[in-house]
N, C-alpha and C. Protein backbone atom coordinates (compact mmCIF):
# COMPACT_ATOMS: atom_id res chain seq x y z
N MET A 1 -11.01 14.69 -71.96
CA MET A 1 -9.88 15.54 -71.72
C MET A 1 -9.74 15.81 -70.24
N ILE A 2 -8.53 15.97 -69.88
CA ILE A 2 -8.23 16.26 -68.49
C ILE A 2 -8.20 17.76 -68.34
N SER A 3 -8.99 18.19 -67.37
CA SER A 3 -9.00 19.64 -67.15
C SER A 3 -7.96 20.01 -66.11
N GLU A 4 -7.42 21.11 -66.31
CA GLU A 4 -6.41 21.63 -65.39
C GLU A 4 -7.11 22.23 -64.18
N PRO A 5 -6.52 22.04 -62.95
CA PRO A 5 -7.14 22.65 -61.78
C PRO A 5 -7.12 24.15 -61.91
N GLU A 6 -8.18 24.73 -61.39
CA GLU A 6 -8.28 26.18 -61.47
C GLU A 6 -7.26 26.82 -60.55
N GLN A 7 -6.84 27.95 -60.94
CA GLN A 7 -5.92 28.71 -60.12
C GLN A 7 -6.65 29.13 -58.85
N GLY A 8 -5.98 28.99 -57.66
CA GLY A 8 -6.57 29.46 -56.40
C GLY A 8 -7.29 28.38 -55.61
N THR A 9 -7.47 27.16 -56.14
CA THR A 9 -8.10 26.11 -55.35
C THR A 9 -7.00 25.37 -54.61
N ALA A 10 -7.29 24.97 -53.38
CA ALA A 10 -6.30 24.32 -52.52
C ALA A 10 -6.23 22.83 -52.82
N GLN A 11 -5.03 22.31 -52.82
CA GLN A 11 -4.82 20.88 -52.95
C GLN A 11 -3.93 20.44 -51.79
N GLY A 12 -4.39 19.44 -51.00
CA GLY A 12 -3.61 18.95 -49.86
C GLY A 12 -3.83 19.80 -48.62
N PHE A 13 -2.96 19.56 -47.63
CA PHE A 13 -3.08 20.26 -46.34
C PHE A 13 -1.97 21.27 -46.21
N THR A 14 -2.25 22.31 -45.48
CA THR A 14 -1.21 23.31 -45.23
C THR A 14 -0.35 22.84 -44.07
N LEU A 15 0.79 23.42 -43.93
CA LEU A 15 1.70 23.07 -42.85
C LEU A 15 1.06 23.33 -41.49
N VAL A 16 0.32 24.37 -41.34
CA VAL A 16 -0.34 24.70 -40.07
C VAL A 16 -1.35 23.62 -39.71
N GLU A 17 -2.13 23.14 -40.67
CA GLU A 17 -3.11 22.08 -40.39
C GLU A 17 -2.42 20.80 -39.94
N ILE A 18 -1.33 20.45 -40.57
CA ILE A 18 -0.59 19.25 -40.19
C ILE A 18 -0.02 19.40 -38.78
N LEU A 19 0.52 20.56 -38.46
CA LEU A 19 1.07 20.79 -37.12
C LEU A 19 0.00 20.72 -36.04
N VAL A 20 -1.18 21.22 -36.30
CA VAL A 20 -2.28 21.16 -35.34
C VAL A 20 -2.68 19.71 -35.07
N VAL A 21 -2.77 18.91 -36.11
CA VAL A 21 -3.12 17.49 -35.95
C VAL A 21 -2.04 16.76 -35.15
N VAL A 22 -0.78 17.02 -35.46
CA VAL A 22 0.32 16.38 -34.73
C VAL A 22 0.30 16.80 -33.26
N LEU A 23 0.03 18.06 -32.99
CA LEU A 23 -0.04 18.56 -31.62
C LEU A 23 -1.18 17.88 -30.85
N LEU A 24 -2.33 17.76 -31.46
CA LEU A 24 -3.46 17.10 -30.81
C LEU A 24 -3.16 15.62 -30.53
N MET A 25 -2.52 14.96 -31.48
CA MET A 25 -2.17 13.55 -31.27
C MET A 25 -1.17 13.41 -30.12
N GLY A 26 -0.24 14.33 -30.02
CA GLY A 26 0.73 14.32 -28.92
C GLY A 26 0.07 14.53 -27.57
N LEU A 27 -0.89 15.45 -27.50
CA LEU A 27 -1.62 15.68 -26.25
C LEU A 27 -2.41 14.44 -25.82
N VAL A 28 -3.08 13.82 -26.74
CA VAL A 28 -3.85 12.61 -26.42
C VAL A 28 -2.92 11.50 -25.95
N ALA A 29 -1.79 11.33 -26.61
CA ALA A 29 -0.84 10.29 -26.21
C ALA A 29 -0.28 10.56 -24.82
N SER A 30 0.05 11.82 -24.51
CA SER A 30 0.59 12.13 -23.18
C SER A 30 -0.45 11.91 -22.09
N LEU A 31 -1.71 12.19 -22.37
CA LEU A 31 -2.77 11.93 -21.39
C LEU A 31 -2.93 10.44 -21.15
N LEU A 32 -2.84 9.65 -22.18
CA LEU A 32 -2.95 8.20 -22.03
C LEU A 32 -1.80 7.64 -21.20
N VAL A 33 -0.58 8.11 -21.46
CA VAL A 33 0.58 7.64 -20.71
C VAL A 33 0.48 8.07 -19.25
N ALA A 34 0.09 9.33 -18.99
CA ALA A 34 -0.04 9.80 -17.61
C ALA A 34 -1.10 9.01 -16.86
N ASN A 35 -2.20 8.70 -17.51
CA ASN A 35 -3.26 7.91 -16.89
C ASN A 35 -2.77 6.50 -16.58
N GLN A 36 -1.98 5.92 -17.47
CA GLN A 36 -1.46 4.57 -17.27
C GLN A 36 -0.49 4.53 -16.10
N VAL A 37 0.38 5.55 -15.96
CA VAL A 37 1.33 5.61 -14.86
C VAL A 37 0.59 5.72 -13.54
N GLY A 38 -0.41 6.59 -13.46
CA GLY A 38 -1.21 6.73 -12.24
C GLY A 38 -1.93 5.45 -11.89
N SER A 39 -2.42 4.76 -12.90
CA SER A 39 -3.13 3.50 -12.68
C SER A 39 -2.19 2.43 -12.15
N SER A 40 -0.97 2.37 -12.66
CA SER A 40 -0.02 1.36 -12.20
C SER A 40 0.40 1.63 -10.75
N ARG A 41 0.50 2.91 -10.36
CA ARG A 41 0.83 3.24 -8.97
C ARG A 41 -0.29 2.81 -8.04
N ARG A 42 -1.53 3.08 -8.44
CA ARG A 42 -2.68 2.67 -7.62
C ARG A 42 -2.74 1.15 -7.51
N GLN A 43 -2.44 0.47 -8.60
CA GLN A 43 -2.47 -0.99 -8.58
C GLN A 43 -1.35 -1.54 -7.68
N ALA A 44 -0.17 -0.93 -7.72
CA ALA A 44 0.93 -1.37 -6.85
C ALA A 44 0.56 -1.17 -5.39
N LEU A 45 -0.10 -0.06 -5.06
CA LEU A 45 -0.53 0.18 -3.69
C LEU A 45 -1.58 -0.84 -3.28
N GLN A 46 -2.52 -1.12 -4.16
CA GLN A 46 -3.57 -2.09 -3.85
C GLN A 46 -2.97 -3.47 -3.57
N VAL A 47 -2.00 -3.89 -4.37
CA VAL A 47 -1.35 -5.18 -4.17
C VAL A 47 -0.60 -5.19 -2.84
N SER A 48 0.13 -4.11 -2.53
CA SER A 48 0.89 -4.04 -1.29
C SER A 48 -0.01 -4.05 -0.05
N VAL A 49 -1.12 -3.34 -0.12
CA VAL A 49 -2.06 -3.31 1.01
C VAL A 49 -2.69 -4.69 1.20
N SER A 50 -3.07 -5.34 0.11
CA SER A 50 -3.65 -6.69 0.22
C SER A 50 -2.63 -7.66 0.81
N GLU A 51 -1.37 -7.53 0.41
CA GLU A 51 -0.31 -8.39 0.93
C GLU A 51 -0.13 -8.15 2.43
N LEU A 52 -0.07 -6.88 2.85
CA LEU A 52 0.08 -6.56 4.27
C LEU A 52 -1.08 -7.11 5.07
N PHE A 53 -2.29 -6.92 4.59
CA PHE A 53 -3.47 -7.41 5.29
C PHE A 53 -3.44 -8.94 5.43
N GLY A 54 -3.09 -9.63 4.36
CA GLY A 54 -3.00 -11.08 4.40
C GLY A 54 -1.93 -11.56 5.37
N LEU A 55 -0.78 -10.88 5.38
CA LEU A 55 0.29 -11.25 6.30
C LEU A 55 -0.10 -10.98 7.75
N MET A 56 -0.83 -9.91 7.99
CA MET A 56 -1.29 -9.62 9.35
C MET A 56 -2.27 -10.70 9.82
N GLN A 57 -3.16 -11.13 8.93
CA GLN A 57 -4.09 -12.21 9.29
C GLN A 57 -3.32 -13.50 9.56
N ALA A 58 -2.33 -13.79 8.73
CA ALA A 58 -1.53 -15.00 8.92
C ALA A 58 -0.75 -14.94 10.23
N ALA A 59 -0.18 -13.78 10.57
CA ALA A 59 0.56 -13.63 11.82
C ALA A 59 -0.36 -13.81 13.02
N SER A 60 -1.57 -13.31 12.93
CA SER A 60 -2.54 -13.47 14.01
C SER A 60 -2.87 -14.95 14.21
N GLU A 61 -3.09 -15.65 13.12
CA GLU A 61 -3.39 -17.08 13.21
C GLU A 61 -2.16 -17.88 13.67
N GLN A 62 -0.97 -17.48 13.22
CA GLN A 62 0.26 -18.16 13.61
C GLN A 62 0.51 -18.00 15.11
N ALA A 63 0.20 -16.83 15.65
CA ALA A 63 0.37 -16.60 17.09
C ALA A 63 -0.49 -17.56 17.90
N VAL A 64 -1.71 -17.80 17.45
CA VAL A 64 -2.60 -18.74 18.15
C VAL A 64 -2.09 -20.17 18.00
N LEU A 65 -1.72 -20.56 16.78
CA LEU A 65 -1.27 -21.93 16.53
C LEU A 65 0.01 -22.28 17.29
N ASP A 66 0.95 -21.32 17.35
CA ASP A 66 2.24 -21.57 18.01
C ASP A 66 2.22 -21.20 19.49
N ASN A 67 1.10 -20.64 19.95
CA ASN A 67 0.98 -20.17 21.33
C ASN A 67 2.15 -19.24 21.67
N GLN A 68 2.39 -18.28 20.74
CA GLN A 68 3.51 -17.36 20.88
C GLN A 68 3.10 -16.00 20.32
N GLU A 69 3.37 -14.94 21.08
CA GLU A 69 3.00 -13.60 20.64
C GLU A 69 3.83 -13.20 19.42
N MET A 70 3.16 -12.54 18.48
CA MET A 70 3.83 -11.98 17.31
C MET A 70 3.50 -10.50 17.26
N GLY A 71 4.29 -9.76 16.54
CA GLY A 71 4.06 -8.32 16.44
C GLY A 71 4.39 -7.79 15.06
N LEU A 72 3.91 -6.58 14.81
CA LEU A 72 4.19 -5.87 13.56
C LEU A 72 4.86 -4.55 13.92
N GLU A 73 6.03 -4.32 13.34
CA GLU A 73 6.74 -3.06 13.52
C GLU A 73 6.62 -2.27 12.23
N VAL A 74 6.10 -1.06 12.32
CA VAL A 74 5.93 -0.19 11.16
C VAL A 74 6.91 0.96 11.28
N ASP A 75 7.72 1.14 10.23
CA ASP A 75 8.73 2.19 10.26
C ASP A 75 8.72 2.91 8.92
N GLY A 76 8.04 4.02 8.86
CA GLY A 76 7.97 4.77 7.61
C GLY A 76 7.28 3.97 6.52
N ARG A 77 8.00 3.65 5.46
CA ARG A 77 7.45 2.87 4.36
C ARG A 77 7.79 1.39 4.48
N HIS A 78 8.41 0.98 5.58
CA HIS A 78 8.82 -0.42 5.76
C HIS A 78 8.04 -1.03 6.92
N TYR A 79 7.89 -2.33 6.86
CA TYR A 79 7.29 -3.04 7.99
C TYR A 79 7.92 -4.43 8.08
N ARG A 80 7.90 -4.96 9.29
CA ARG A 80 8.41 -6.31 9.50
C ARG A 80 7.68 -6.94 10.68
N PHE A 81 7.73 -8.24 10.72
CA PHE A 81 7.05 -8.98 11.77
C PHE A 81 8.07 -9.45 12.81
N LEU A 82 7.62 -9.46 14.05
CA LEU A 82 8.46 -9.84 15.17
C LEU A 82 7.83 -11.00 15.91
N VAL A 83 8.67 -11.73 16.64
CA VAL A 83 8.22 -12.84 17.48
C VAL A 83 8.77 -12.60 18.88
N TYR A 84 7.93 -12.84 19.89
CA TYR A 84 8.40 -12.66 21.26
C TYR A 84 9.07 -13.94 21.75
N ASP A 85 10.32 -13.80 22.14
CA ASP A 85 11.10 -14.93 22.65
C ASP A 85 10.96 -14.94 24.18
N GLU A 86 10.19 -15.88 24.70
CA GLU A 86 9.93 -15.93 26.15
C GLU A 86 11.19 -16.26 26.94
N PHE A 87 12.09 -17.05 26.39
CA PHE A 87 13.29 -17.45 27.12
C PHE A 87 14.25 -16.28 27.31
N GLN A 88 14.36 -15.42 26.31
CA GLN A 88 15.24 -14.26 26.41
C GLN A 88 14.48 -13.00 26.80
N SER A 89 13.16 -13.12 26.93
CA SER A 89 12.29 -11.99 27.30
C SER A 89 12.52 -10.77 26.41
N GLN A 90 12.50 -11.01 25.10
CA GLN A 90 12.66 -9.90 24.17
C GLN A 90 12.04 -10.24 22.81
N TRP A 91 11.76 -9.21 22.05
CA TRP A 91 11.26 -9.37 20.69
C TRP A 91 12.43 -9.60 19.76
N ARG A 92 12.23 -10.42 18.76
CA ARG A 92 13.24 -10.63 17.73
C ARG A 92 12.55 -10.66 16.38
N VAL A 93 13.29 -10.40 15.34
CA VAL A 93 12.74 -10.42 13.98
C VAL A 93 12.33 -11.85 13.64
N ALA A 94 11.15 -12.00 13.09
CA ALA A 94 10.65 -13.33 12.73
C ALA A 94 11.58 -13.97 11.71
N ALA A 95 11.93 -15.22 11.96
CA ALA A 95 12.87 -15.93 11.09
C ALA A 95 12.20 -16.52 9.86
N ASP A 96 10.90 -16.74 9.93
CA ASP A 96 10.18 -17.34 8.81
C ASP A 96 10.24 -16.40 7.61
N ARG A 97 10.59 -16.93 6.46
CA ARG A 97 10.77 -16.12 5.24
C ARG A 97 9.52 -15.35 4.83
N ILE A 98 8.36 -15.90 5.12
CA ILE A 98 7.12 -15.22 4.74
C ILE A 98 6.96 -13.89 5.47
N TYR A 99 7.57 -13.78 6.64
CA TYR A 99 7.45 -12.57 7.45
C TYR A 99 8.65 -11.63 7.30
N ARG A 100 9.38 -11.74 6.21
CA ARG A 100 10.56 -10.90 6.00
C ARG A 100 10.15 -9.42 5.92
N GLU A 101 11.13 -8.55 6.07
CA GLU A 101 10.86 -7.11 5.99
C GLU A 101 10.43 -6.75 4.57
N ARG A 102 9.44 -5.89 4.49
CA ARG A 102 8.92 -5.46 3.19
C ARG A 102 8.82 -3.94 3.14
N SER A 103 8.80 -3.43 1.90
CA SER A 103 8.64 -2.00 1.67
C SER A 103 7.35 -1.75 0.92
N LEU A 104 6.76 -0.60 1.19
CA LEU A 104 5.58 -0.17 0.44
C LEU A 104 6.03 0.57 -0.81
N PRO A 105 5.17 0.72 -1.80
CA PRO A 105 5.55 1.44 -3.03
C PRO A 105 6.00 2.87 -2.74
N PRO A 106 6.84 3.44 -3.61
CA PRO A 106 7.30 4.82 -3.42
C PRO A 106 6.12 5.79 -3.28
N ALA A 107 6.32 6.82 -2.50
CA ALA A 107 5.35 7.88 -2.24
C ALA A 107 4.15 7.41 -1.42
N THR A 108 4.19 6.18 -0.91
CA THR A 108 3.11 5.68 -0.07
C THR A 108 3.29 6.20 1.34
N THR A 109 2.21 6.68 1.92
CA THR A 109 2.27 7.10 3.32
C THR A 109 1.45 6.14 4.15
N ILE A 110 1.93 5.86 5.35
CA ILE A 110 1.22 4.98 6.26
C ILE A 110 1.12 5.72 7.59
N ARG A 111 -0.10 5.80 8.08
CA ARG A 111 -0.33 6.47 9.35
C ARG A 111 -0.96 5.47 10.30
N GLN A 112 -0.36 5.38 11.47
CA GLN A 112 -0.82 4.39 12.44
C GLN A 112 -1.38 5.11 13.66
N THR A 113 -2.53 4.66 14.11
CA THR A 113 -3.08 5.14 15.37
C THR A 113 -3.50 3.94 16.19
N THR A 114 -3.23 4.00 17.47
CA THR A 114 -3.63 2.93 18.36
C THR A 114 -4.40 3.54 19.51
N ASP A 115 -5.34 2.77 20.05
CA ASP A 115 -6.12 3.25 21.18
C ASP A 115 -5.35 3.14 22.49
N SER A 116 -4.33 2.31 22.49
CA SER A 116 -3.54 2.13 23.70
C SER A 116 -2.09 1.87 23.29
N VAL A 117 -1.21 1.98 24.26
CA VAL A 117 0.20 1.70 24.00
C VAL A 117 0.39 0.19 23.99
N PRO A 118 1.01 -0.35 22.94
CA PRO A 118 1.21 -1.80 22.90
C PRO A 118 2.07 -2.25 24.08
N PRO A 119 1.78 -3.41 24.63
CA PRO A 119 2.59 -3.89 25.75
C PRO A 119 4.02 -4.12 25.29
N ARG A 120 4.96 -3.69 26.08
CA ARG A 120 6.36 -3.78 25.70
C ARG A 120 6.90 -5.19 25.90
N LEU A 121 6.48 -5.91 26.88
CA LEU A 121 6.92 -7.27 27.18
C LEU A 121 8.42 -7.37 27.42
N SER A 122 9.19 -6.42 26.94
CA SER A 122 10.63 -6.38 27.25
C SER A 122 11.04 -4.92 27.32
N ASP A 123 12.04 -4.65 28.15
CA ASP A 123 12.49 -3.28 28.35
C ASP A 123 13.81 -2.98 27.66
N ASP A 124 14.33 -3.94 26.92
CA ASP A 124 15.61 -3.76 26.26
C ASP A 124 15.47 -2.75 25.12
N ALA A 125 16.12 -1.60 25.28
CA ALA A 125 16.00 -0.53 24.28
C ALA A 125 16.67 -0.89 22.96
N GLY A 126 17.57 -1.86 22.96
CA GLY A 126 18.28 -2.22 21.74
C GLY A 126 17.55 -3.22 20.87
N THR A 127 16.43 -3.75 21.33
CA THR A 127 15.70 -4.75 20.56
C THR A 127 14.50 -4.11 19.88
N PRO A 128 14.04 -4.69 18.78
CA PRO A 128 12.87 -4.14 18.11
C PRO A 128 11.62 -4.23 19.01
N GLN A 129 10.72 -3.30 18.84
CA GLN A 129 9.47 -3.29 19.60
C GLN A 129 8.31 -3.17 18.62
N PRO A 130 7.29 -4.00 18.76
CA PRO A 130 6.17 -3.95 17.82
C PRO A 130 5.24 -2.78 18.09
N ASP A 131 4.61 -2.32 17.04
CA ASP A 131 3.57 -1.30 17.15
C ASP A 131 2.21 -1.96 17.34
N ILE A 132 2.08 -3.16 16.81
CA ILE A 132 0.84 -3.93 16.93
C ILE A 132 1.23 -5.32 17.40
N VAL A 133 0.52 -5.84 18.40
CA VAL A 133 0.81 -7.17 18.94
C VAL A 133 -0.34 -8.10 18.62
N PHE A 134 0.01 -9.30 18.12
CA PHE A 134 -0.95 -10.37 17.88
C PHE A 134 -0.74 -11.39 19.01
N PHE A 135 -1.70 -11.46 19.92
CA PHE A 135 -1.56 -12.31 21.09
C PHE A 135 -1.92 -13.76 20.77
N SER A 136 -1.34 -14.66 21.55
CA SER A 136 -1.62 -16.09 21.35
C SER A 136 -3.06 -16.44 21.72
N SER A 137 -3.77 -15.53 22.37
CA SER A 137 -5.17 -15.75 22.71
C SER A 137 -6.09 -15.44 21.52
N GLY A 138 -5.53 -14.87 20.44
CA GLY A 138 -6.33 -14.51 19.28
C GLY A 138 -6.68 -13.03 19.24
N GLU A 139 -6.39 -12.30 20.31
CA GLU A 139 -6.66 -10.86 20.35
C GLU A 139 -5.49 -10.09 19.75
N THR A 140 -5.73 -8.83 19.46
CA THR A 140 -4.66 -7.94 19.00
C THR A 140 -4.76 -6.65 19.80
N THR A 141 -3.70 -5.86 19.73
CA THR A 141 -3.83 -4.51 20.29
C THR A 141 -4.75 -3.73 19.35
N PRO A 142 -5.64 -2.90 19.87
CA PRO A 142 -6.49 -2.10 18.98
C PRO A 142 -5.62 -1.18 18.13
N PHE A 143 -5.93 -1.08 16.84
CA PHE A 143 -5.11 -0.26 15.95
C PHE A 143 -5.92 0.19 14.75
N ARG A 144 -5.34 1.14 14.05
CA ARG A 144 -5.89 1.62 12.78
C ARG A 144 -4.70 2.05 11.92
N LEU A 145 -4.53 1.41 10.77
CA LEU A 145 -3.49 1.77 9.81
C LEU A 145 -4.17 2.38 8.60
N GLU A 146 -3.73 3.57 8.20
CA GLU A 146 -4.24 4.23 7.00
C GLU A 146 -3.10 4.31 5.99
N LEU A 147 -3.35 3.80 4.79
CA LEU A 147 -2.35 3.81 3.74
C LEU A 147 -2.91 4.53 2.53
N GLN A 148 -2.11 5.43 1.96
CA GLN A 148 -2.52 6.08 0.72
C GLN A 148 -1.31 6.32 -0.16
N GLY A 149 -1.59 6.42 -1.47
CA GLY A 149 -0.53 6.50 -2.47
C GLY A 149 0.38 7.69 -2.33
N ASN A 150 -0.18 8.87 -2.12
CA ASN A 150 0.61 10.08 -1.87
C ASN A 150 -0.31 11.09 -1.20
N ALA A 151 0.22 12.21 -0.83
CA ALA A 151 -0.55 13.20 -0.08
C ALA A 151 -1.76 13.72 -0.87
N ASP A 152 -1.66 13.74 -2.20
CA ASP A 152 -2.75 14.27 -3.02
C ASP A 152 -3.80 13.22 -3.36
N ASP A 153 -3.48 11.97 -3.14
CA ASP A 153 -4.37 10.88 -3.51
C ASP A 153 -5.51 10.77 -2.51
N VAL A 154 -6.74 10.74 -3.01
CA VAL A 154 -7.89 10.62 -2.12
C VAL A 154 -8.19 9.16 -1.79
N ALA A 155 -7.61 8.23 -2.54
CA ALA A 155 -7.82 6.81 -2.30
C ALA A 155 -7.05 6.42 -1.04
N ARG A 156 -7.79 5.94 -0.04
CA ARG A 156 -7.17 5.58 1.23
C ARG A 156 -7.66 4.20 1.65
N TYR A 157 -6.71 3.37 2.03
CA TYR A 157 -7.01 2.03 2.54
C TYR A 157 -6.89 2.08 4.07
N VAL A 158 -7.76 1.37 4.75
CA VAL A 158 -7.71 1.33 6.21
C VAL A 158 -7.76 -0.12 6.67
N ILE A 159 -6.77 -0.50 7.48
CA ILE A 159 -6.75 -1.81 8.14
C ILE A 159 -6.94 -1.50 9.62
N ALA A 160 -7.92 -2.14 10.25
CA ALA A 160 -8.21 -1.80 11.64
C ALA A 160 -8.74 -2.99 12.41
N SER A 161 -8.61 -2.90 13.73
CA SER A 161 -9.19 -3.89 14.64
C SER A 161 -9.43 -3.22 15.98
N ASP A 162 -10.51 -3.63 16.64
CA ASP A 162 -10.78 -3.13 17.99
C ASP A 162 -10.07 -3.97 19.04
N GLY A 163 -9.36 -4.98 18.60
CA GLY A 163 -8.62 -5.83 19.52
C GLY A 163 -9.28 -7.19 19.74
N PHE A 164 -10.59 -7.25 19.58
CA PHE A 164 -11.32 -8.49 19.82
C PHE A 164 -11.90 -9.08 18.55
N GLN A 165 -12.43 -8.22 17.69
CA GLN A 165 -13.01 -8.67 16.43
C GLN A 165 -11.90 -8.87 15.40
N PRO A 166 -12.17 -9.67 14.37
CA PRO A 166 -11.16 -9.85 13.30
C PRO A 166 -10.81 -8.52 12.63
N MET A 167 -9.61 -8.45 12.11
CA MET A 167 -9.17 -7.26 11.39
C MET A 167 -10.03 -7.03 10.17
N THR A 168 -10.20 -5.77 9.80
CA THR A 168 -10.95 -5.44 8.60
C THR A 168 -10.08 -4.60 7.68
N LEU A 169 -10.32 -4.74 6.40
CA LEU A 169 -9.66 -3.93 5.38
C LEU A 169 -10.75 -3.15 4.67
N VAL A 170 -10.67 -1.84 4.72
CA VAL A 170 -11.63 -0.99 4.03
C VAL A 170 -10.89 -0.37 2.84
N ARG A 171 -11.39 -0.67 1.65
CA ARG A 171 -10.79 -0.14 0.42
C ARG A 171 -11.39 1.21 0.09
N PRO A 172 -10.75 1.97 -0.81
CA PRO A 172 -11.34 3.24 -1.22
C PRO A 172 -12.77 3.04 -1.71
N GLY A 173 -13.64 3.90 -1.29
CA GLY A 173 -15.04 3.75 -1.67
C GLY A 173 -15.85 3.03 -0.61
N GLY A 174 -15.18 2.62 0.48
CA GLY A 174 -15.89 2.02 1.60
C GLY A 174 -16.11 0.54 1.54
N GLU A 175 -15.51 -0.16 0.58
CA GLU A 175 -15.70 -1.61 0.49
C GLU A 175 -14.86 -2.29 1.54
N GLY A 176 -15.47 -3.04 2.42
CA GLY A 176 -14.73 -3.72 3.48
C GLY A 176 -14.58 -5.21 3.20
N SER A 177 -13.63 -5.81 3.91
CA SER A 177 -13.49 -7.26 3.81
C SER A 177 -13.10 -7.83 5.15
């Protein structure tokens, strides 16, 4: 025989229990999404910094190969490469597609410090002027570029050179290359 359930015993879940479980699942999901968004921003910054570092190395090598000074102009979140035109005695934007103007990811800050003022090589105020010069001798102007995702981010990338030694890239945590 089938016995009838006793009066007063609970069967199933109450509405409050279901709401608590749904609330907890929502909190966990929002934490996962927030973590993923932060991770993708850090990854975009890492890719951009690696690209900038590689292009700077290529520009330094190109200056030696072509026996022509090249430069890097940094403007806020944008940067572009310049070439010194000896015949016109002025800097011009590099025509090679690989050196086109690029932007860093949103909320990225870049801080530049140099030990000396880069040589102007031209006095024309209407032409672009580099912040960092890659000389045809293989040297560069001494510099230090610090890049980070946003003001609250402790992860900071540093690209630097003393002018004579090869450029170095220091990743967050002190890993250099």
